[in-house]
């Protein structure tokens, strides 16, 4: 049950970040990248065995909205930040546990 709740939350956060990123007045890729990193790091630290799932859930929401609304295939780079953040969260968790 916890896995599904976290998955739905990760997907919702990814869609929210993607929605903000596709707004016409939003033009700050650095803040978007930081939001992806921090969000996926938190999910990766919460459930490290599923780090890949959190990266896919958050990254897919961002990429899907950018591609659907703006035809922006460059948004696929969100997956790079999502995977980096997710596994950074796992690393930080392991360091703190040691």
PDB file of N, CA and C in Angstrom:
ATOM      1  N   UNK A   1       0.823  -1.193   0.000  1.00  0.00           N
ATOM      2  CA  UNK A   1       0.000   0.000   0.000  1.00  0.00           C
ATOM      3  C   UNK A   1       0.872   1.266   0.000  1.00  0.00           C
ATOM      4  N   UNK A   2       1.945   1.246   0.811  1.00  0.00           N
ATOM      5  CA  UNK A   2       2.832   2.404   0.876  1.00  0.00           C
ATOM      6  C   UNK A   2       3.481   2.676  -0.481  1.00  0.00           C
ATOM      7  N   UNK A   3       3.856   1.611  -1.182  1.00  0.00           N
ATOM      8  CA  UNK A   3       4.472   1.762  -2.499  1.00  0.00           C
ATOM      9  C   UNK A   3       3.546   2.483  -3.455  1.00  0.00           C
ATOM     10  N   UNK A   4       2.289   2.086  -3.496  1.00  0.00           N
ATOM     11  CA  UNK A   4       1.330   2.713  -4.405  1.00  0.00           C
ATOM     12  C   UNK A   4       1.075   4.168  -4.057  1.00  0.00           C
ATOM     13  N   UNK A   5       0.994   4.467  -2.765  1.00  0.00           N
ATOM     14  CA  UNK A   5       0.776   5.855  -2.357  1.00  0.00           C
ATOM     15  C   UNK A   5       1.963   6.731  -2.744  1.00  0.00           C
ATOM     16  N   UNK A   6       3.161   6.230  -2.505  1.00  0.00           N
ATOM     17  CA  UNK A   6       4.345   6.991  -2.886  1.00  0.00           C
ATOM     18  C   UNK A   6       4.452   7.130  -4.399  1.00  0.00           C
ATOM     19  N   UNK A   7       4.091   6.075  -5.118  1.00  0.00           N
ATOM     20  CA  UNK A   7       4.130   6.144  -6.580  1.00  0.00           C
ATOM     21  C   UNK A   7       3.164   7.198  -7.106  1.00  0.00           C
ATOM     22  N   UNK A   8       1.945   7.206  -6.602  1.00  0.00           N
ATOM     23  CA  UNK A   8       0.959   8.204  -7.039  1.00  0.00           C
ATOM     24  C   UNK A   8       1.406   9.615  -6.660  1.00  0.00           C
ATOM     25  N   UNK A   9       2.003   9.760  -5.493  1.00  0.00           N
ATOM     26  CA  UNK A   9       2.515  11.057  -5.073  1.00  0.00           C
ATOM     27  C   UNK A   9       3.660  11.508  -5.980  1.00  0.00           C
ATOM     28  N   UNK A  10       4.568  10.598  -6.308  1.00  0.00           N
ATOM     29  CA  UNK A  10       5.691  10.932  -7.192  1.00  0.00           C
ATOM     30  C   UNK A  10       5.188  11.326  -8.578  1.00  0.00           C
ATOM     31  N   UNK A  11       4.209  10.612  -9.069  1.00  0.00           N
ATOM     32  CA  UNK A  11       3.640  10.944 -10.369  1.00  0.00           C
ATOM     33  C   UNK A  11       2.963  12.309 -10.332  1.00  0.00           C
ATOM     34  N   UNK A  12       2.229  12.586  -9.262  1.00  0.00           N
ATOM     35  CA  UNK A  12       1.547  13.878  -9.124  1.00  0.00           C
ATOM     36  C   UNK A  12       2.558  15.024  -9.028  1.00  0.00           C
ATOM     37  N   UNK A  13       3.629  14.818  -8.285  1.00  0.00           N
ATOM     38  CA  UNK A  13       4.648  15.861  -8.170  1.00  0.00           C
ATOM     39  C   UNK A  13       5.327  16.083  -9.522  1.00  0.00           C
ATOM     40  N   UNK A  14       5.592  15.010 -10.248  1.00  0.00           N
ATOM     41  CA  UNK A  14       6.171  15.140 -11.577  1.00  0.00           C
ATOM     42  C   UNK A  14       5.257  15.909 -12.519  1.00  0.00           C
ATOM     43  N   UNK A  15       3.978  15.627 -12.454  1.00  0.00           N
ATOM     44  CA  UNK A  15       3.019  16.365 -13.281  1.00  0.00           C
ATOM     45  C   UNK A  15       2.951  17.834 -12.869  1.00  0.00           C
ATOM     46  N   UNK A  16       3.027  18.093 -11.576  1.00  0.00           N
ATOM     47  CA  UNK A  16       3.009  19.478 -11.097  1.00  0.00           C
ATOM     48  C   UNK A  16       4.244  20.241 -11.573  1.00  0.00           C
ATOM     49  N   UNK A  17       5.413  19.630 -11.449  1.00  0.00           N
ATOM     50  CA  UNK A  17       6.636  20.278 -11.935  1.00  0.00           C
ATOM     51  C   UNK A  17       6.543  20.486 -13.447  1.00  0.00           C
ATOM     52  N   UNK A  18       6.034  19.494 -14.154  1.00  0.00           N
ATOM     53  CA  UNK A  18       5.864  19.622 -15.601  1.00  0.00           C
ATOM     54  C   UNK A  18       4.887  20.717 -15.968  1.00  0.00           C
ATOM     55  N   UNK A  19       3.808  20.841 -15.205  1.00  0.00           N
ATOM     56  CA  UNK A  19       2.819  21.889 -15.467  1.00  0.00           C
ATOM     57  C   UNK A  19       3.439  23.271 -15.291  1.00  0.00           C
ATOM     58  N   UNK A  20       4.184  23.445 -14.191  1.00  0.00           N
ATOM     59  CA  UNK A  20       4.845  24.734 -13.959  1.00  0.00           C
ATOM     60  C   UNK A  20       5.853  25.005 -15.075  1.00  0.00           C
ATOM     61  N   UNK A  21       6.580  23.984 -15.486  1.00  0.00           N
ATOM     62  CA  UNK A  21       7.605  24.141 -16.511  1.00  0.00           C
ATOM     63  C   UNK A  21       7.022  24.517 -17.869  1.00  0.00           C
ATOM     64  N   UNK A  22       5.780  24.159 -18.139  1.00  0.00           N
ATOM     65  CA  UNK A  22       5.179  24.473 -19.439  1.00  0.00           C
ATOM     66  C   UNK A  22       4.425  25.799 -19.449  1.00  0.00           C
ATOM     67  N   UNK A  23       4.382  26.492 -18.343  1.00  0.00           N
ATOM     68  CA  UNK A  23       3.712  27.797 -18.315  1.00  0.00           C
ATOM     69  C   UNK A  23       4.482  28.779 -19.187  1.00  0.00           C
ATOM     70  N   UNK A  24       3.764  29.621 -19.929  1.00  0.00           N
ATOM     71  CA  UNK A  24       4.435  30.574 -20.826  1.00  0.00           C
ATOM     72  C   UNK A  24       5.348  31.569 -20.101  1.00  0.00           C
ATOM     73  N   UNK A  25       5.030  31.885 -18.865  1.00  0.00           N
ATOM     74  CA  UNK A  25       5.839  32.865 -18.143  1.00  0.00           C
ATOM     75  C   UNK A  25       7.011  32.225 -17.395  1.00  0.00           C
ATOM     76  N   UNK A  26       7.112  30.915 -17.408  1.00  0.00           N
ATOM     77  CA  UNK A  26       8.175  30.222 -16.683  1.00  0.00           C
ATOM     78  C   UNK A  26       9.349  29.976 -17.613  1.00  0.00           C
ATOM     79  N   UNK A  27      10.493  30.494 -17.232  1.00  0.00           N
ATOM     80  CA  UNK A  27      11.680  30.292 -18.061  1.00  0.00           C
ATOM     81  C   UNK A  27      12.907  30.152 -17.161  1.00  0.00           C
ATOM     82  N   UNK A  28      12.843  29.192 -16.245  1.00  0.00           N
ATOM     83  CA  UNK A  28      13.958  28.991 -15.343  1.00  0.00           C
ATOM     84  C   UNK A  28      14.244  27.501 -15.205  1.00  0.00           C
ATOM     85  N   UNK A  29      15.068  27.017 -16.110  1.00  0.00           N
ATOM     86  CA  UNK A  29      15.387  25.590 -16.130  1.00  0.00           C
ATOM     87  C   UNK A  29      16.165  25.164 -14.887  1.00  0.00           C
ATOM     88  N   UNK A  30      16.913  26.075 -14.297  1.00  0.00           N
ATOM     89  CA  UNK A  30      17.689  25.738 -13.107  1.00  0.00           C
ATOM     90  C   UNK A  30      16.807  25.393 -11.917  1.00  0.00           C
ATOM     91  N   UNK A  31      15.754  26.151 -11.735  1.00  0.00           N
ATOM     92  CA  UNK A  31      14.836  25.863 -10.637  1.00  0.00           C
ATOM     93  C   UNK A  31      14.074  24.572 -10.910  1.00  0.00           C
ATOM     94  N   UNK A  32      13.703  24.349 -12.151  1.00  0.00           N
ATOM     95  CA  UNK A  32      13.032  23.104 -12.509  1.00  0.00           C
ATOM     96  C   UNK A  32      13.947  21.908 -12.236  1.00  0.00           C
ATOM     97  N   UNK A  33      15.197  22.008 -12.650  1.00  0.00           N
ATOM     98  CA  UNK A  33      16.153  20.913 -12.420  1.00  0.00           C
ATOM     99  C   UNK A  33      16.356  20.681 -10.927  1.00  0.00           C
ATOM    100  N   UNK A  34      16.454  21.755 -10.147  1.00  0.00           N
ATOM    101  CA  UNK A  34      16.626  21.614  -8.700  1.00  0.00           C
ATOM    102  C   UNK A  34      15.397  20.965  -8.060  1.00  0.00           C
ATOM    103  N   UNK A  35      14.216  21.334  -8.536  1.00  0.00           N
ATOM    104  CA  UNK A  35      12.983  20.730  -8.013  1.00  0.00           C
ATOM    105  C   UNK A  35      12.950  19.235  -8.301  1.00  0.00           C
ATOM    106  N   UNK A  36      13.391  18.848  -9.490  1.00  0.00           N
ATOM    107  CA  UNK A  36      13.441  17.427  -9.850  1.00  0.00           C
ATOM    108  C   UNK A  36      14.436  16.699  -8.947  1.00  0.00           C
ATOM    109  N   UNK A  37      15.619  17.269  -8.772  1.00  0.00           N
ATOM    110  CA  UNK A  37      16.648  16.637  -7.947  1.00  0.00           C
ATOM    111  C   UNK A  37      16.194  16.465  -6.500  1.00  0.00           C
ATOM    112  N   UNK A  38      15.647  17.516  -5.928  1.00  0.00           N
ATOM    113  CA  UNK A  38      15.234  17.460  -4.520  1.00  0.00           C
ATOM    114  C   UNK A  38      14.074  16.484  -4.334  1.00  0.00           C
ATOM    115  N   UNK A  39      13.114  16.538  -5.235  1.00  0.00           N
ATOM    116  CA  UNK A  39      11.947  15.658  -5.129  1.00  0.00           C
ATOM    117  C   UNK A  39      12.341  14.189  -5.237  1.00  0.00           C
ATOM    118  N   UNK A  40      13.108  13.859  -6.253  1.00  0.00           N
ATOM    119  CA  UNK A  40      13.475  12.453  -6.433  1.00  0.00           C
ATOM    120  C   UNK A  40      14.446  11.980  -5.358  1.00  0.00           C
ATOM    121  N   UNK A  41      15.279  12.885  -4.829  1.00  0.00           N
ATOM    122  CA  UNK A  41      16.167  12.505  -3.725  1.00  0.00           C
ATOM    123  C   UNK A  41      15.353  12.133  -2.490  1.00  0.00           C
ATOM    124  N   UNK A  42      14.297  12.875  -2.247  1.00  0.00           N
ATOM    125  CA  UNK A  42      13.442  12.562  -1.099  1.00  0.00           C
ATOM    126  C   UNK A  42      12.770  11.207  -1.275  1.00  0.00           C
ATOM    127  N   UNK A  43      12.271  10.940  -2.469  1.00  0.00           N
ATOM    128  CA  UNK A  43      11.644   9.643  -2.722  1.00  0.00           C
ATOM    129  C   UNK A  43      12.667   8.516  -2.676  1.00  0.00           C
ATOM    130  N   UNK A  44      13.865   8.758  -3.218  1.00  0.00           N
ATOM    131  CA  UNK A  44      14.916   7.744  -3.180  1.00  0.00           C
ATOM    132  C   UNK A  44      15.346   7.413  -1.768  1.00  0.00           C
ATOM    133  N   UNK A  45      15.384   8.427  -0.908  1.00  0.00           N
ATOM    134  CA  UNK A  45      15.747   8.191   0.491  1.00  0.00           C
ATOM    135  C   UNK A  45      14.617   7.485   1.234  1.00  0.00           C
ATOM    136  N   UNK A  46      13.388   7.757   0.853  1.00  0.00           N
ATOM    137  CA  UNK A  46      12.236   7.145   1.533  1.00  0.00           C
ATOM    138  C   UNK A  46      12.121   5.661   1.237  1.00  0.00           C
ATOM    139  N   UNK A  47      12.363   5.281  -0.008  1.00  0.00           N
ATOM    140  CA  UNK A  47      12.262   3.873  -0.388  1.00  0.00           C
ATOM    141  C   UNK A  47      13.363   3.564  -1.416  1.00  0.00           C
ATOM    142  N   UNK A  48      14.577   3.285  -0.930  1.00  0.00           N
ATOM    143  CA  UNK A  48      15.736   3.155  -1.819  1.00  0.00           C
ATOM    144  C   UNK A  48      15.686   1.989  -2.804  1.00  0.00           C
ATOM    145  N   UNK A  49      14.997   0.928  -2.476  1.00  0.00           N
ATOM    146  CA  UNK A  49      14.953  -0.212  -3.393  1.00  0.00           C
ATOM    147  C   UNK A  49      14.184   0.108  -4.672  1.00  0.00           C
ATOM    148  N   UNK A  50      13.422   1.168  -4.656  1.00  0.00           N
ATOM    149  CA  UNK A  50      12.622   1.562  -5.815  1.00  0.00           C
ATOM    150  C   UNK A  50      13.082   2.902  -6.405  1.00  0.00           C
ATOM    151  N   UNK A  51      14.350   3.203  -6.270  1.00  0.00           N
ATOM    152  CA  UNK A  51      14.871   4.487  -6.755  1.00  0.00           C
ATOM    153  C   UNK A  51      14.579   4.679  -8.240  1.00  0.00           C
ATOM    154  N   UNK A  52      14.697   3.638  -9.014  1.00  0.00           N
ATOM    155  CA  UNK A  52      14.421   3.730 -10.444  1.00  0.00           C
ATOM    156  C   UNK A  52      12.958   4.096 -10.706  1.00  0.00           C
ATOM    157  N   UNK A  53      12.050   3.596  -9.870  1.00  0.00           N
ATOM    158  CA  UNK A  53      10.628   3.874 -10.048  1.00  0.00           C
ATOM    159  C   UNK A  53      10.320   5.340  -9.801  1.00  0.00           C
ATOM    160  N   UNK A  54      10.949   5.929  -8.770  1.00  0.00           N
ATOM    161  CA  UNK A  54      10.701   7.343  -8.463  1.00  0.00           C
ATOM    162  C   UNK A  54      11.219   8.219  -9.592  1.00  0.00           C
ATOM    163  N   UNK A  55      12.360   7.872 -10.146  1.00  0.00           N
ATOM    164  CA  UNK A  55      12.902   8.652 -11.258  1.00  0.00           C
ATOM    165  C   UNK A  55      11.985   8.581 -12.472  1.00  0.00           C
ATOM    166  N   UNK A  56      11.487   7.387 -12.756  1.00  0.00           N
ATOM    167  CA  UNK A  56      10.575   7.254 -13.900  1.00  0.00           C
ATOM    168  C   UNK A  56       9.249   7.970 -13.668  1.00  0.00           C
ATOM    169  N   UNK A  57       8.723   7.891 -12.448  1.00  0.00           N
ATOM    170  CA  UNK A  57       7.432   8.521 -12.162  1.00  0.00           C
ATOM    171  C   UNK A  57       7.519  10.038 -12.267  1.00  0.00           C
ATOM    172  N   UNK A  58       8.517  10.624 -11.641  1.00  0.00           N
ATOM    173  CA  UNK A  58       8.648  12.083 -11.681  1.00  0.00           C
ATOM    174  C   UNK A  58       9.046  12.543 -13.082  1.00  0.00           C
ATOM    175  N   UNK A  59      10.026  11.892 -13.669  1.00  0.00           N
ATOM    176  CA  UNK A  59      10.499  12.282 -14.999  1.00  0.00           C
ATOM    177  C   UNK A  59       9.461  12.136 -16.090  1.00  0.00           C
ATOM    178  N   UNK A  60       8.639  11.109 -16.001  1.00  0.00           N
ATOM    179  CA  UNK A  60       7.645  10.899 -17.054  1.00  0.00           C
ATOM    180  C   UNK A  60       6.561  11.968 -17.032  1.00  0.00           C
ATOM    181  N   UNK A  61       6.188  12.442 -15.847  1.00  0.00           N
ATOM    182  CA  UNK A  61       5.196  13.511 -15.777  1.00  0.00           C
ATOM    183  C   UNK A  61       5.698  14.776 -16.436  1.00  0.00           C
ATOM    184  N   UNK A  62       6.945  15.103 -16.182  1.00  0.00           N
ATOM    185  CA  UNK A  62       7.547  16.311 -16.750  1.00  0.00           C
ATOM    186  C   UNK A  62       7.696  16.175 -18.258  1.00  0.00           C
ATOM    187  N   UNK A  63       8.263  15.064 -18.693  1.00  0.00           N
ATOM    188  CA  UNK A  63       8.483  14.863 -20.124  1.00  0.00           C
ATOM    189  C   UNK A  63       7.164  14.798 -20.886  1.00  0.00           C
ATOM    190  N   UNK A  64       6.193  14.101 -20.348  1.00  0.00           N
ATOM    191  CA  UNK A  64       4.912  13.955 -21.049  1.00  0.00           C
ATOM    192  C   UNK A  64       4.232  15.298 -21.264  1.00  0.00           C
ATOM    193  N   UNK A  65       4.178  16.120 -20.239  1.00  0.00           N
ATOM    194  CA  UNK A  65       3.524  17.428 -20.392  1.00  0.00           C
ATOM    195  C   UNK A  65       4.283  18.336 -21.347  1.00  0.00           C
ATOM    196  N   UNK A  66       5.600  18.337 -21.264  1.00  0.00           N
ATOM    197  CA  UNK A  66       6.388  19.174 -22.163  1.00  0.00           C
ATOM    198  C   UNK A  66       6.259  18.740 -23.611  1.00  0.00           C
ATOM    199  N   UNK A  67       6.215  17.450 -23.854  1.00  0.00           N
ATOM    200  CA  UNK A  67       6.087  16.953 -25.221  1.00  0.00           C
ATOM    201  C   UNK A  67       4.674  17.197 -25.736  1.00  0.00           C
ATOM    202  N   UNK A  68       3.670  16.924 -24.907  1.00  0.00           N
ATOM    203  CA  UNK A  68       2.280  17.076 -25.340  1.00  0.00           C
ATOM    204  C   UNK A  68       1.896  18.538 -25.564  1.00  0.00           C
ATOM    205  N   UNK A  69       2.317  19.418 -24.674  1.00  0.00           N
ATOM    206  CA  UNK A  69       1.878  20.808 -24.757  1.00  0.00           C
ATOM    207  C   UNK A  69       2.763  21.680 -25.635  1.00  0.00           C
ATOM    208  N   UNK A  70       4.059  21.420 -25.632  1.00  0.00           N
ATOM    209  CA  UNK A  70       4.971  22.313 -26.347  1.00  0.00           C
ATOM    210  C   UNK A  70       5.794  21.614 -27.422  1.00  0.00           C
ATOM    211  N   UNK A  71       5.640  20.310 -27.573  1.00  0.00           N
ATOM    212  CA  UNK A  71       6.458  19.576 -28.529  1.00  0.00           C
ATOM    213  C   UNK A  71       7.934  19.629 -28.167  1.00  0.00           C
ATOM    214  N   UNK A  72       8.226  19.786 -26.896  1.00  0.00           N
ATOM    215  CA  UNK A  72       9.586  19.970 -26.402  1.00  0.00           C
ATOM    216  C   UNK A  72      10.196  18.625 -26.006  1.00  0.00           C
ATOM    217  N   UNK A  73      10.837  17.968 -26.957  1.00  0.00           N
ATOM    218  CA  UNK A  73      11.459  16.676 -26.692  1.00  0.00           C
ATOM    219  C   UNK A  73      12.745  16.823 -25.882  1.00  0.00           C
ATOM    220  N   UNK A  74      13.260  18.044 -25.781  1.00  0.00           N
ATOM    221  CA  UNK A  74      14.436  18.282 -24.951  1.00  0.00           C
ATOM    222  C   UNK A  74      14.120  18.058 -23.474  1.00  0.00           C
ATOM    223  N   UNK A  75      12.846  18.027 -23.134  1.00  0.00           N
ATOM    224  CA  UNK A  75      12.441  17.794 -21.742  1.00  0.00           C
ATOM    225  C   UNK A  75      12.760  16.373 -21.293  1.00  0.00           C
ATOM    226  N   UNK A  76      13.133  15.508 -22.212  1.00  0.00           N
ATOM    227  CA  UNK A  76      13.537  14.154 -21.832  1.00  0.00           C
ATOM    228  C   UNK A  76      14.785  14.168 -20.957  1.00  0.00           C
ATOM    229  N   UNK A  77      15.506  15.283 -20.965  1.00  0.00           N
ATOM    230  CA  UNK A  77      16.670  15.414 -20.088  1.00  0.00           C
ATOM    231  C   UNK A  77      16.239  15.410 -18.619  1.00  0.00           C
ATOM    232  N   UNK A  78      14.965  15.596 -18.360  1.00  0.00           N
ATOM    233  CA  UNK A  78      14.450  15.524 -16.984  1.00  0.00           C
ATOM    234  C   UNK A  78      14.738  14.156 -16.372  1.00  0.00           C
ATOM    235  N   UNK A  79      14.788  13.124 -17.198  1.00  0.00           N
ATOM    236  CA  UNK A  79      15.095  11.788 -16.690  1.00  0.00           C
ATOM    237  C   UNK A  79      16.511  11.713 -16.122  1.00  0.00           C
ATOM    238  N   UNK A  80      17.439  12.440 -16.721  1.00  0.00           N
ATOM    239  CA  UNK A  80      18.814  12.458 -16.212  1.00  0.00           C
ATOM    240  C   UNK A  80      18.835  13.027 -14.799  1.00  0.00           C
ATOM    241  N   UNK A  81      18.163  14.160 -14.613  1.00  0.00           N
ATOM    242  CA  UNK A  81      18.109  14.784 -13.293  1.00  0.00           C
ATOM    243  C   UNK A  81      17.322  13.926 -12.306  1.00  0.00           C
ATOM    244  N   UNK A  82      16.272  13.279 -12.797  1.00  0.00           N
ATOM    245  CA  UNK A  82      15.454  12.439 -11.919  1.00  0.00           C
ATOM    246  C   UNK A  82      16.244  11.233 -11.417  1.00  0.00           C
ATOM    247  N   UNK A  83      16.963  10.568 -12.291  1.00  0.00           N
ATOM    248  CA  UNK A  83      17.766   9.421 -11.863  1.00  0.00           C
ATOM    249  C   UNK A  83      18.911   9.857 -10.960  1.00  0.00           C
ATOM    250  N   UNK A  84      19.551  10.976 -11.297  1.00  0.00           N
ATOM    251  CA  UNK A  84      20.645  11.478 -10.453  1.00  0.00           C
ATOM    252  C   UNK A  84      20.130  11.810  -9.053  1.00  0.00           C
ATOM    253  N   UNK A  85      19.003  12.468  -8.972  1.00  0.00           N
ATOM    254  CA  UNK A  85      18.446  12.828  -7.672  1.00  0.00           C
ATOM    255  C   UNK A  85      18.014  11.620  -6.876  1.00  0.00           C
ATOM    256  N   UNK A  86      17.377  10.689  -7.539  1.00  0.00           N
ATOM    257  CA  UNK A  86      16.875   9.509  -6.856  1.00  0.00           C
ATOM    258  C   UNK A  86      18.007   8.687  -6.251  1.00  0.00           C
ATOM    259  N   UNK A  87      19.044   8.472  -7.018  1.00  0.00           N
ATOM    260  CA  UNK A  87      20.156   7.684  -6.493  1.00  0.00           C
ATOM    261  C   UNK A  87      21.031   8.487  -5.528  1.00  0.00           C
ATOM    262  N   UNK A  88      21.016   9.800  -5.642  1.00  0.00           N
ATOM    263  CA  UNK A  88      21.686  10.626  -4.633  1.00  0.00           C
ATOM    264  C   UNK A  88      20.966  10.497  -3.292  1.00  0.00           C
ATOM    265  N   UNK A  89      19.649  10.425  -3.330  1.00  0.00           N
ATOM    266  CA  UNK A  89      18.883  10.206  -2.106  1.00  0.00           C
ATOM    267  C   UNK A  89      19.210   8.875  -1.459  1.00  0.00           C
ATOM    268  N   UNK A  90      19.378   7.850  -2.283  1.00  0.00           N
ATOM    269  CA  UNK A  90      19.770   6.531  -1.767  1.00  0.00           C
ATOM    270  C   UNK A  90      21.160   6.619  -1.135  1.00  0.00           C
ATOM    271  N   UNK A  91      22.074   7.304  -1.796  1.00  0.00           N
ATOM    272  CA  UNK A  91      23.434   7.449  -1.277  1.00  0.00           C
ATOM    273  C   UNK A  91      23.439   8.179   0.067  1.00  0.00           C
ATOM    274  N   UNK A  92      22.706   9.270   0.149  1.00  0.00           N
ATOM    275  CA  UNK A  92      22.646  10.028   1.409  1.00  0.00           C
ATOM    276  C   UNK A  92      22.040   9.177   2.516  1.00  0.00           C
ATOM    277  N   UNK A  93      21.008   8.436   2.200  1.00  0.00           N
ATOM    278  CA  UNK A  93      20.402   7.556   3.214  1.00  0.00           C
ATOM    279  C   UNK A  93      21.413   6.528   3.711  1.00  0.00           C
ATOM    280  N   UNK A  94      22.147   5.917   2.786  1.00  0.00           N
ATOM    281  CA  UNK A  94      23.132   4.914   3.184  1.00  0.00           C
ATOM    282  C   UNK A  94      24.262   5.515   4.011  1.00  0.00           C
ATOM    283  N   UNK A  95      24.666   6.725   3.676  1.00  0.00           N
ATOM    284  CA  UNK A  95      25.723   7.388   4.448  1.00  0.00           C
ATOM    285  C   UNK A  95      25.231   7.696   5.855  1.00  0.00           C
ATOM    286  N   UNK A  96      24.007   8.168   5.982  1.00  0.00           N
ATOM    287  CA  UNK A  96      23.469   8.503   7.298  1.00  0.00           C
ATOM    288  C   UNK A  96      23.223   7.270   8.157  1.00  0.00           C
ATOM    289  N   UNK A  97      22.923   6.146   7.529  1.00  0.00           N
ATOM    290  CA  UNK A  97      22.694   4.909   8.272  1.00  0.00           C
ATOM    291  C   UNK A  97      24.000   4.289   8.767  1.00  0.00           C
ATOM    292  N   UNK A  98      25.103   4.596   8.078  1.00  0.00           N
ATOM    293  CA  UNK A  98      26.395   3.971   8.438  1.00  0.00           C
ATOM    294  C   UNK A  98      27.007   4.561   9.681  1.00  0.00           C
TER     295      UNK A  98
END
